[in-house]
Amino acid sequence: MDEALHNINIEKAILSSIIFEPSLFEEVASFLKSEDFYLPFHQLLFGAMEELEQESLPIDSEFLKKKLSGQKGYKEELLEEVILATPISNIEAYAKELKELSIKRKLLKYTTEVKSAAISNNLSISDLLDMVQKRLYEINVDSSSSDFRDSPEIVSSTLEHIKEMKARGNNGVVGVDTGFSELNKLTAGFGEGDLIIIAARPSMGKTAFTLNLAQKALDDGRGVAIFSLEMPAEQLMLRMLSAKTSIPLQRLKVGDLNDDEWGRLSAAMDLMSNQKLFVDDDGMLNIHQLRSKLRKLKSNHPEISLCVIDYLQLMSGNAKDRHQEVAEISRGLKMLARELNIPILALSQLNRTLESRSDKRPILSDIRESGSIEQDADIIMFVYRDDVYKMREEKEKEKRAKEEGKEYKSTFVEKMEEEAEIIIGKNRNGPLGVAKLIFQKSFTRFVDGGSVPVEIVYESAEVDAAKSKIELPPI
């Protein structure tokens, strides 16, 4: 390999310095791995140092000889060469140079792999691109490391943040405005770098709720990226237009509109055409593709300040075990949110076991493959509408009555506006609680409706929502 891509003398000097001053190992190991060394013996030696450190044993020549003795590739004369090398004082600078050489070698190696794969014709274009993205991501993760930020820098940055919040008028929103006053009080908006999970059972309206959040961001002049794995972009737009124009979704789908509604629709479509909305409706998306697409979109459109993923369990990863795969996805989304400095909203399904409980309000453990999601998320919100279950119960009673040859008269009246609860099950930087909203079914739209304290989130007793005047949003 080109000598410009490795430096044997630096490798020897770093290893020799650690042997003479073992306390240096932790400093070097914070960003160097055994694979970053070029010579196989140097890789073996650094790996032995790692093992001794883990076993709380001295990193010296005698223990290294015992650890390496009998291993393939070990020669005592090679160890003597390292010991006789001149130790260096500024080991951090040399270690960083070694890391850079290692990354260059990896890039060269992966370039060769890509060239070979492209020539062989064994991979499709999509598989080849996925391989390239995966390799580049691995290199990027390996090369990205940040040093500690000292107190003066942190204090200065915090002061700038406080001044910015003051300039906003003390409205309590420090991130992306949700558009719902009671939800803003609980979350203070969605912060940059936050991973927000929005979870619910089917038919609760989690997609409608998330689109309402996205619409608010668009109306505030922000850019929004939506990855829709479940429905095409046109269906998402129909829902957003219904909520925007107050035209029932079912009539909008078939074009059954009067002259006034056509005018409102035209005005809303003109407005939406000028907003920064980007939708990817590829239903076969994996975490690496999403990462690559969002990075590229953010690079071309810096105004992107919110990302929505509908929904998390439809994404795929590389792990064989599903729980590990979900862990890879949730961790990847959290890292991406921090990297791009934007909030990412990921929708999630809930386990159906909650429906066997008398109180069907969701809790954290109801999230499918919840362990890693619960750990990585900054905010977890549940969308809950009690009327959904009341309607199901009435239909079940009616069905059983018919099967038994009995007559059943339902007392349940389906309402066009239903009470909805947005339950904050986790809030890393704020309180837990419930925002009471009203769900307008015809328009797939949530509007403000009051709030209740956290103490009664999971009580089975029904809590009446505070009455509030509902105003239609302006076009």
Protein backbone atom coordinates (compact mmCIF):
# COMPACT_ATOMS: atom_id res chain seq x y z
CA MET A 1 0.00 0.00 0.00
CA ASP A 2 1.11 3.58 -0.70
CA GLU A 3 3.52 4.70 2.04
CA ALA A 4 1.61 7.99 2.24
CA LEU A 5 -1.25 6.03 3.88
CA HIS A 6 0.71 4.68 6.86
CA ASN A 7 3.57 5.60 9.17
CA ILE A 8 5.26 2.71 10.95
CA ASN A 9 7.48 4.97 13.03
CA ILE A 10 4.49 6.82 14.52
CA GLU A 11 2.80 3.50 15.31
CA LYS A 12 5.91 2.26 17.15
CA ALA A 13 6.33 5.56 19.00
CA ILE A 14 2.71 5.56 20.24
CA LEU A 15 2.87 1.94 21.41
CA SER A 16 6.27 2.50 23.04
CA SER A 17 4.97 5.60 24.87
CA ILE A 18 2.06 3.58 26.31
CA ILE A 19 4.41 0.84 27.55
CA PHE A 20 6.62 3.41 29.29
CA GLU A 21 3.64 5.42 30.59
CA PRO A 22 0.54 3.14 30.79
CA SER A 23 -1.67 6.03 31.96
CA LEU A 24 -1.51 7.33 28.37
CA PHE A 25 -3.54 4.36 27.13
CA GLU A 26 -6.92 5.86 28.06
CA GLU A 27 -6.08 9.08 26.21
CA VAL A 28 -5.13 7.18 23.06
CA ALA A 29 -7.95 4.62 23.29
CA SER A 30 -10.57 7.39 23.37
CA PHE A 31 -10.28 7.71 19.58
CA LEU A 32 -7.93 4.94 18.34
CA LYS A 33 -8.82 1.28 17.77
CA SER A 34 -6.53 -1.65 17.04
CA GLU A 35 -7.66 -1.64 13.40
CA ASP A 36 -6.30 1.90 13.00
CA PHE A 37 -2.74 0.50 13.10
CA TYR A 38 -1.30 -0.60 9.78
CA LEU A 39 1.04 -3.43 10.81
CA PRO A 40 -0.80 -6.62 11.88
CA PHE A 41 1.54 -7.00 14.87
CA HIS A 42 0.81 -3.45 16.00
CA GLN A 43 -2.91 -4.24 15.81
CA LEU A 44 -2.29 -7.37 17.90
CA LEU A 45 -0.24 -5.43 20.45
CA PHE A 46 -2.80 -2.65 20.88
CA GLY A 47 -5.53 -5.26 21.28
CA ALA A 48 -3.50 -6.91 24.04
CA MET A 49 -3.18 -3.54 25.76
CA GLU A 50 -6.99 -3.18 25.63
CA GLU A 51 -7.43 -6.59 27.24
CA LEU A 52 -4.94 -5.81 30.02
CA GLU A 53 -6.72 -2.51 30.70
CA GLN A 54 -10.10 -4.28 30.92
CA GLU A 55 -8.61 -6.84 33.30
CA SER A 56 -7.06 -4.07 35.45
CA LEU A 57 -3.58 -5.50 34.85
CA PRO A 58 -0.40 -3.48 34.23
CA ILE A 59 0.34 -2.58 30.62
CA ASP A 60 4.06 -3.40 30.67
CA SER A 61 6.42 -5.60 28.68
CA GLU A 62 6.12 -8.65 30.96
CA PHE A 63 2.30 -8.77 30.98
CA LEU A 64 2.21 -8.06 27.26
CA LYS A 65 4.53 -11.02 26.60
CA LYS A 66 2.27 -13.29 28.67
CA LYS A 67 -0.82 -12.04 26.86
CA LEU A 68 0.71 -12.38 23.39
CA SER A 69 2.63 -15.62 23.91
CA GLY A 70 1.33 -18.34 21.63
CA GLN A 71 -0.82 -16.02 19.52
CA LYS A 72 -0.49 -16.15 15.76
CA GLY A 73 1.63 -13.25 14.49
CA TYR A 74 3.51 -12.70 17.74
CA LYS A 75 7.29 -12.48 17.55
CA GLU A 76 9.35 -11.34 20.51
CA GLU A 77 11.76 -9.41 18.30
CA LEU A 78 8.84 -7.29 17.01
CA LEU A 79 7.88 -6.42 20.57
CA GLU A 80 11.52 -5.52 21.30
CA GLU A 81 11.49 -3.12 18.33
CA VAL A 82 8.48 -1.34 19.81
CA ILE A 83 10.01 -1.17 23.29
CA LEU A 84 13.25 0.27 21.89
CA ALA A 85 11.38 2.97 19.90
CA THR A 86 11.69 6.51 21.24
CA PRO A 87 8.63 7.55 23.27
CA ILE A 88 6.93 10.83 22.28
CA SER A 89 5.66 13.68 24.45
CA ASN A 90 2.70 14.99 22.40
CA ILE A 91 1.02 11.63 21.96
CA GLU A 92 -2.44 13.08 21.18
CA ALA A 93 -1.25 14.87 18.04
CA TYR A 94 0.46 11.73 16.72
CA ALA A 95 -2.58 9.58 17.55
CA LYS A 96 -4.83 11.95 15.58
CA GLU A 97 -2.47 11.77 12.62
CA LEU A 98 -2.59 7.97 12.82
CA LYS A 99 -6.41 8.13 12.82
CA GLU A 100 -6.43 10.25 9.68
CA LEU A 101 -4.17 7.76 7.90
CA SER A 102 -6.46 4.93 8.99
CA ILE A 103 -9.54 6.71 7.56
CA LYS A 104 -7.75 7.30 4.27
CA ARG A 105 -6.92 3.58 4.04
CA LYS A 106 -10.54 2.67 4.72
CA LEU A 107 -11.72 5.07 2.02
CA LEU A 108 -9.27 3.53 -0.45
CA LYS A 109 -10.34 0.02 0.53
CA TYR A 110 -14.05 0.83 0.20
CA THR A 111 -13.44 2.54 -3.14
CA THR A 112 -11.86 -0.69 -4.37
CA GLU A 113 -14.79 -2.71 -3.05
CA VAL A 114 -17.30 -0.43 -4.79
CA LYS A 115 -15.36 -0.63 -8.06
CA SER A 116 -15.25 -4.41 -7.84
CA ALA A 117 -18.97 -4.64 -7.01
CA ALA A 118 -19.89 -2.29 -9.86
CA ILE A 119 -17.89 -4.33 -12.38
CA SER A 120 -19.18 -7.72 -11.22
CA ASN A 121 -22.84 -6.88 -12.01
CA ASN A 122 -23.92 -9.09 -9.11
CA LEU A 123 -25.59 -6.19 -7.32
CA SER A 124 -28.48 -4.03 -8.44
CA ILE A 125 -28.01 -0.25 -8.52
CA SER A 126 -30.10 0.16 -5.37
CA ASP A 127 -28.05 -2.48 -3.52
CA LEU A 128 -24.81 -0.90 -4.74
CA LEU A 129 -25.89 2.57 -3.59
CA ASP A 130 -26.98 1.14 -0.24
CA MET A 131 -23.56 -0.48 0.16
CA VAL A 132 -21.82 2.84 -0.58
CA GLN A 133 -24.03 4.72 1.88
CA LYS A 134 -23.46 2.11 4.56
CA ARG A 135 -19.69 2.18 4.12
CA LEU A 136 -19.52 5.98 4.14
CA TYR A 137 -21.71 6.12 7.23
CA GLU A 138 -19.43 3.64 9.03
CA ILE A 139 -16.40 5.75 8.17
CA ASN A 140 -18.17 8.93 9.23
CA VAL A 141 -19.17 7.45 12.60
CA ASP A 142 -15.64 6.14 13.14
CA SER A 143 -14.05 9.48 12.30
CA SER A 144 -16.46 11.75 14.17
CA SER A 145 -15.38 12.51 17.68
CA SER A 146 -15.79 15.66 19.69
CA ASP A 147 -13.72 16.93 22.59
CA PHE A 148 -15.12 18.17 25.87
CA ARG A 149 -16.61 21.66 25.84
CA ASP A 150 -15.28 23.75 28.70
CA SER A 151 -17.33 25.79 31.15
CA PRO A 152 -16.75 29.26 29.58
CA GLU A 153 -17.98 28.04 26.19
CA ILE A 154 -21.04 26.32 27.70
CA VAL A 155 -21.95 29.38 29.79
CA SER A 156 -21.60 31.67 26.76
CA SER A 157 -23.72 29.36 24.60
CA THR A 158 -26.39 29.13 27.31
CA LEU A 159 -26.52 32.92 27.65
CA GLU A 160 -27.05 33.28 23.89
CA HIS A 161 -29.89 30.75 24.13
CA ILE A 162 -31.55 32.73 26.96
CA LYS A 163 -31.26 35.97 24.96
CA GLU A 164 -32.82 34.29 21.93
CA MET A 165 -35.73 33.04 24.04
CA LYS A 166 -36.18 36.56 25.47
CA ALA A 167 -36.33 37.98 21.97
CA ARG A 168 -39.17 35.59 21.15
CA GLY A 169 -41.33 37.30 23.73
CA ASN A 170 -41.31 34.84 26.64
CA ASN A 171 -44.02 32.68 25.03
CA GLY A 172 -42.64 29.49 26.55
CA VAL A 173 -41.83 27.89 23.18
CA VAL A 174 -38.11 27.23 22.74
CA GLY A 175 -38.30 24.94 19.71
CA VAL A 176 -40.70 24.17 16.87
CA ASP A 177 -44.19 25.41 17.82
CA THR A 178 -46.68 22.51 18.01
CA GLY A 179 -49.63 24.76 17.28
CA PHE A 180 -51.44 23.55 20.41
CA SER A 181 -51.22 25.88 23.42
CA GLU A 182 -51.55 23.22 26.12
CA LEU A 183 -49.08 20.93 24.40
CA ASN A 184 -46.62 23.82 24.13
CA LYS A 185 -46.90 24.35 27.89
CA LEU A 186 -45.87 20.76 28.52
CA THR A 187 -43.15 20.43 25.85
CA ALA A 188 -42.05 24.06 25.23
CA GLY A 189 -42.11 23.03 21.56
CA PHE A 190 -39.88 20.48 19.87
CA GLY A 191 -36.21 21.17 20.48
CA GLU A 192 -33.39 20.96 17.96
CA GLY A 193 -31.86 17.49 18.04
CA ASP A 194 -34.88 15.92 19.78
CA LEU A 195 -36.33 12.54 18.86
CA ILE A 196 -40.10 12.61 19.46
CA ILE A 197 -42.13 9.41 19.36
CA ILE A 198 -45.87 9.69 18.65
CA ALA A 199 -47.56 6.38 19.40
CA ALA A 200 -51.13 5.09 19.27
CA ARG A 201 -53.30 2.13 18.39
CA PRO A 202 -54.82 2.11 14.87
CA SER A 203 -57.63 4.62 14.15
CA MET A 204 -56.64 6.95 16.99
CA GLY A 205 -55.48 9.63 14.54
CA LYS A 206 -51.71 9.66 15.04
CA THR A 207 -51.03 10.40 11.37
CA ALA A 208 -53.62 13.20 11.35
CA PHE A 209 -52.14 14.65 14.53
CA THR A 210 -48.62 14.54 13.12
CA LEU A 211 -49.71 16.19 9.88
CA ASN A 212 -51.32 18.96 11.95
CA LEU A 213 -47.94 19.48 13.66
CA ALA A 214 -46.20 19.53 10.27
CA GLN A 215 -48.73 22.03 8.89
CA LYS A 216 -48.06 24.41 11.77
CA ALA A 217 -44.34 24.29 11.03
CA LEU A 218 -45.01 24.98 7.35
CA ASP A 219 -47.28 27.91 8.20
CA ASP A 220 -44.46 29.32 10.35
CA GLY A 221 -42.20 29.34 7.28
CA ARG A 222 -40.21 26.23 8.22
CA GLY A 223 -39.23 23.43 5.89
CA VAL A 224 -40.66 19.97 6.61
CA ALA A 225 -39.52 16.56 5.35
CA ILE A 226 -41.95 13.64 5.58
CA PHE A 227 -40.99 10.01 5.03
CA SER A 228 -44.28 8.19 4.45
CA LEU A 229 -43.85 4.43 4.44
CA GLU A 230 -47.57 3.69 4.72
CA MET A 231 -49.42 5.95 2.25
CA PRO A 232 -48.57 7.89 -0.93
CA ALA A 233 -47.86 11.60 -0.92
CA GLU A 234 -51.20 12.40 -2.56
CA GLN A 235 -53.14 10.90 0.36
CA LEU A 236 -51.09 12.93 2.83
CA MET A 237 -51.80 16.09 0.84
CA LEU A 238 -55.55 15.34 0.78
CA ARG A 239 -55.54 15.10 4.58
CA MET A 240 -53.60 18.32 4.96
CA LEU A 241 -55.90 20.14 2.53
CA SER A 242 -59.00 18.86 4.34
CA ALA A 243 -57.65 20.16 7.65
CA LYS A 244 -56.65 23.46 6.04
CA THR A 245 -59.90 24.17 4.17
CA SER A 246 -62.49 22.57 6.51
CA ILE A 247 -63.75 20.50 3.60
CA PRO A 248 -64.67 16.94 4.69
CA LEU A 249 -61.98 14.48 3.57
CA GLN A 250 -64.44 12.01 2.05
CA ARG A 251 -65.94 14.69 -0.22
CA LEU A 252 -62.51 16.05 -1.05
CA LYS A 253 -61.38 12.62 -2.22
CA VAL A 254 -64.16 12.40 -4.85
CA GLY A 255 -64.25 16.09 -5.77
CA ASP A 256 -67.81 16.61 -4.49
CA LEU A 257 -67.42 20.35 -3.83
CA ASN A 258 -69.56 23.44 -4.26
CA ASP A 259 -68.29 26.70 -5.75
CA ASP A 260 -67.25 28.14 -2.37
CA GLU A 261 -65.32 24.98 -1.48
CA TRP A 262 -63.57 24.95 -4.86
CA GLY A 263 -62.44 28.51 -4.16
CA ARG A 264 -61.13 27.60 -0.70
CA LEU A 265 -59.38 24.55 -2.10
CA SER A 266 -57.73 26.60 -4.85
CA ALA A 267 -56.48 29.17 -2.34
CA ALA A 268 -55.15 26.44 -0.02
CA MET A 269 -53.37 24.65 -2.87
CA ASP A 270 -51.72 27.89 -3.97
CA LEU A 271 -50.53 28.41 -0.40
CA MET A 272 -49.25 24.85 -0.07
CA SER A 273 -47.45 25.09 -3.41
CA ASN A 274 -45.29 27.87 -1.96
CA GLN A 275 -44.42 26.05 1.26
CA LYS A 276 -41.29 23.99 1.81
CA LEU A 277 -42.82 20.51 2.08
CA PHE A 278 -40.88 17.47 0.86
CA VAL A 279 -42.39 13.98 0.89
CA ASP A 280 -40.62 10.67 0.28
CA ASP A 281 -43.23 7.91 -0.05
CA ASP A 282 -40.86 5.02 -0.74
CA GLY A 283 -42.41 2.21 1.29
CA MET A 284 -39.18 0.14 1.41
CA LEU A 285 -36.97 2.60 3.25
CA ASN A 286 -34.16 1.53 5.58
CA ILE A 287 -32.32 3.62 8.15
CA HIS A 288 -29.25 4.09 5.93
CA GLN A 289 -31.32 5.32 2.97
CA LEU A 290 -33.28 7.68 5.19
CA ARG A 291 -30.10 9.06 6.68
CA SER A 292 -28.56 9.65 3.26
CA LYS A 293 -31.72 11.24 1.80
CA LEU A 294 -32.29 13.56 4.76
CA ARG A 295 -28.66 14.68 4.85
CA LYS A 296 -28.81 15.53 1.15
CA LEU A 297 -32.15 17.32 1.50
CA LYS A 298 -30.93 19.34 4.49
CA SER A 299 -27.78 20.26 2.61
CA ASN A 300 -29.78 21.53 -0.38
CA HIS A 301 -32.53 23.10 1.74
CA PRO A 302 -31.12 24.46 5.02
CA GLU A 303 -34.62 25.67 5.96
CA ILE A 304 -35.64 22.08 6.78
CA SER A 305 -36.39 22.23 10.51
CA LEU A 306 -38.68 19.24 11.08
CA CYS A 307 -38.68 15.62 9.92
CA VAL A 308 -41.62 13.21 10.18
CA ILE A 309 -41.41 9.42 9.79
CA ASP A 310 -44.64 7.47 9.37
CA TYR A 311 -43.98 5.02 10.84
CA LEU A 312 -40.99 3.54 12.70
CA GLN A 313 -41.90 -0.16 12.66
CA LEU A 314 -42.13 -0.17 8.86
CA MET A 315 -38.46 0.75 8.55
CA SER A 316 -35.76 -1.88 8.22
CA GLY A 317 -32.19 -2.17 9.48
CA ASN A 318 -29.29 -4.57 9.12
CA ALA A 319 -29.57 -6.57 12.35
CA LYS A 320 -31.02 -10.10 12.16
CA ASP A 321 -32.94 -9.85 15.44
CA ARG A 322 -35.95 -7.50 15.28
CA HIS A 323 -35.28 -5.93 18.67
CA GLN A 324 -31.69 -5.19 17.63
CA GLU A 325 -32.98 -3.83 14.33
CA VAL A 326 -35.37 -1.43 16.07
CA ALA A 327 -32.56 -0.43 18.44
CA GLU A 328 -30.37 0.36 15.43
CA ILE A 329 -33.17 2.43 13.88
CA SER A 330 -34.09 4.41 17.01
CA ARG A 331 -30.45 5.11 17.87
CA GLY A 332 -29.78 6.08 14.25
CA LEU A 333 -32.69 8.53 14.27
CA LYS A 334 -31.55 10.13 17.52
CA MET A 335 -28.00 10.54 16.21
CA LEU A 336 -29.34 11.99 12.95
CA ALA A 337 -31.53 14.50 14.81
CA ARG A 338 -28.49 15.71 16.73
CA GLU A 339 -26.29 15.75 13.64
CA LEU A 340 -28.74 17.84 11.58
CA ASN A 341 -29.90 19.83 14.62
CA ILE A 342 -33.60 19.34 13.89
CA PRO A 343 -36.41 17.53 15.72
CA ILE A 344 -37.42 14.19 14.23
CA LEU A 345 -40.97 12.95 14.81
CA ALA A 346 -41.33 9.18 14.41
CA LEU A 347 -44.72 7.51 14.60
CA SER A 348 -44.95 4.15 16.35
CA GLN A 349 -47.48 1.36 16.75
CA LEU A 350 -48.57 0.04 20.14
CA ASN A 351 -49.02 -3.55 21.27
CA ARG A 352 -52.62 -4.74 21.14
CA THR A 353 -52.33 -6.21 24.65
CA LEU A 354 -53.32 -2.83 26.10
CA GLU A 355 -56.85 -3.40 24.79
CA SER A 356 -57.35 -6.17 27.33
CA ARG A 357 -57.05 -3.63 30.17
CA SER A 358 -60.03 -1.81 31.63
CA ASP A 359 -58.19 1.50 31.25
CA LYS A 360 -56.81 1.47 27.72
CA ARG A 361 -54.74 4.61 28.01
CA PRO A 362 -51.24 3.72 26.76
CA ILE A 363 -48.11 3.53 28.89
CA LEU A 364 -44.45 3.32 27.82
CA SER A 365 -44.27 -0.47 27.91
CA ASP A 366 -47.08 -0.65 25.32
CA ILE A 367 -44.74 0.56 22.56
CA ARG A 368 -43.70 -2.26 20.25
CA GLU A 369 -40.05 -3.20 20.85
CA SER A 370 -40.15 -0.45 23.47
CA GLY A 371 -36.76 -0.83 25.21
CA SER A 372 -34.51 1.07 22.81
CA ILE A 373 -37.24 3.47 21.70
CA GLU A 374 -37.97 4.46 25.27
CA GLN A 375 -34.27 4.99 25.92
CA ASP A 376 -33.46 7.05 22.82
CA ALA A 377 -36.57 9.26 22.67
CA ASP A 378 -36.59 12.71 24.25
CA ILE A 379 -40.39 12.94 24.20
CA ILE A 380 -42.93 10.13 23.91
CA MET A 381 -46.54 11.13 23.24
CA PHE A 382 -49.61 8.90 23.03
CA VAL A 383 -52.71 9.81 21.03
CA TYR A 384 -55.82 8.49 22.80
CA ARG A 385 -59.54 8.86 22.00
CA ASP A 386 -61.92 7.07 24.36
CA ASP A 387 -64.81 7.25 21.88
CA VAL A 388 -62.99 4.84 19.57
CA TYR A 389 -63.29 2.10 22.19
CA LYS A 390 -66.86 3.06 23.11
CA MET A 391 -67.89 2.67 19.48
CA ARG A 392 -66.15 -0.71 19.23
CA GLU A 393 -67.86 -1.92 22.39
CA GLU A 394 -71.28 -0.91 21.07
CA LYS A 395 -70.66 -2.70 17.78
CA GLU A 396 -69.58 -5.83 19.65
CA LYS A 397 -72.74 -5.73 21.79
CA GLU A 398 -74.88 -5.28 18.69
CA LYS A 399 -73.13 -8.18 16.95
CA ARG A 400 -73.58 -10.51 19.94
CA ALA A 401 -77.23 -9.57 20.21
CA LYS A 402 -77.85 -10.42 16.56
CA GLU A 403 -76.08 -13.76 16.96
CA GLU A 404 -78.36 -14.54 19.92
CA GLY A 405 -81.45 -13.42 18.00
CA LYS A 406 -82.05 -10.47 20.29
CA GLU A 407 -82.77 -6.87 19.45
CA TYR A 408 -80.23 -4.32 20.61
CA LYS A 409 -80.68 -0.57 20.59
CA SER A 410 -77.40 1.28 20.92
CA THR A 411 -77.30 4.42 23.06
CA PHE A 412 -73.97 5.48 21.63
CA VAL A 413 -74.10 8.47 19.30
CA GLU A 414 -71.12 8.97 17.02
CA LYS A 415 -69.93 12.56 17.22
CA MET A 416 -68.18 14.55 14.54
CA GLU A 417 -66.05 16.18 17.25
CA GLU A 418 -64.52 13.90 19.86
CA GLU A 419 -62.41 14.52 22.92
CA ALA A 420 -58.78 13.46 22.45
CA GLU A 421 -55.88 13.18 24.85
CA ILE A 422 -52.23 13.69 24.00
CA ILE A 423 -50.53 11.87 26.86
CA ILE A 424 -46.90 12.81 27.53
CA GLY A 425 -45.42 9.52 28.74
CA LYS A 426 -41.80 10.70 28.67
CA ASN A 427 -40.37 14.19 28.60
CA ARG A 428 -36.61 14.36 29.10
CA ASN A 429 -36.59 18.13 29.60
CA GLY A 430 -40.03 18.87 30.98
CA PRO A 431 -43.10 17.65 32.89
CA LEU A 432 -45.39 14.76 32.13
CA GLY A 433 -49.06 15.52 31.60
CA VAL A 434 -52.02 15.45 29.24
CA ALA A 435 -53.08 18.00 26.65
CA LYS A 436 -56.82 17.82 26.00
CA LEU A 437 -57.68 18.37 22.34
CA ILE A 438 -60.75 18.06 20.14
CA PHE A 439 -60.60 15.79 17.10
CA GLN A 440 -62.72 16.95 14.17
CA LYS A 441 -63.17 13.68 12.32
CA SER A 442 -64.45 15.00 9.00
CA PHE A 443 -61.45 17.25 8.56
CA THR A 444 -58.82 14.94 10.15
CA ARG A 445 -57.95 17.88 12.36
CA PHE A 446 -57.06 18.32 16.03
CA VAL A 447 -57.73 21.65 17.77
CA ASP A 448 -57.10 22.96 21.30
CA GLY A 449 -59.47 21.82 24.02
CA GLY A 450 -57.97 22.34 27.52
CA SER A 451 -55.68 20.27 29.76
CA VAL A 452 -55.57 18.02 32.82
CA PRO A 453 -52.72 17.41 35.32
CA VAL A 454 -50.49 14.35 35.16
CA GLU A 455 -51.96 12.76 38.29
CA ILE A 456 -55.03 11.53 36.43
CA VAL A 457 -53.36 10.40 33.22
CA TYR A 458 -54.00 6.73 33.90
CA GLU A 459 -57.13 6.90 36.04
CA SER A 460 -60.08 4.99 34.60
CA ALA A 461 -62.61 7.64 35.60
CA GLU A 462 -63.67 9.76 32.63
CA VAL A 463 -62.60 13.39 32.79
CA ASP A 464 -64.68 15.98 30.96
CA ALA A 465 -62.69 18.25 28.71
CA ALA A 466 -62.83 21.97 29.29
CA LYS A 467 -65.19 23.61 26.83
CA SER A 468 -63.57 25.98 24.41
CA LYS A 469 -64.57 27.84 21.31
CA ILE A 470 -63.21 26.11 18.22
CA GLU A 471 -62.12 28.40 15.42
CA LEU A 472 -61.38 27.19 11.93
CA PRO A 473 -57.79 27.82 10.82
CA PRO A 474 -57.25 30.60 8.28
CA ILE A 475 -56.37 29.66 4.73
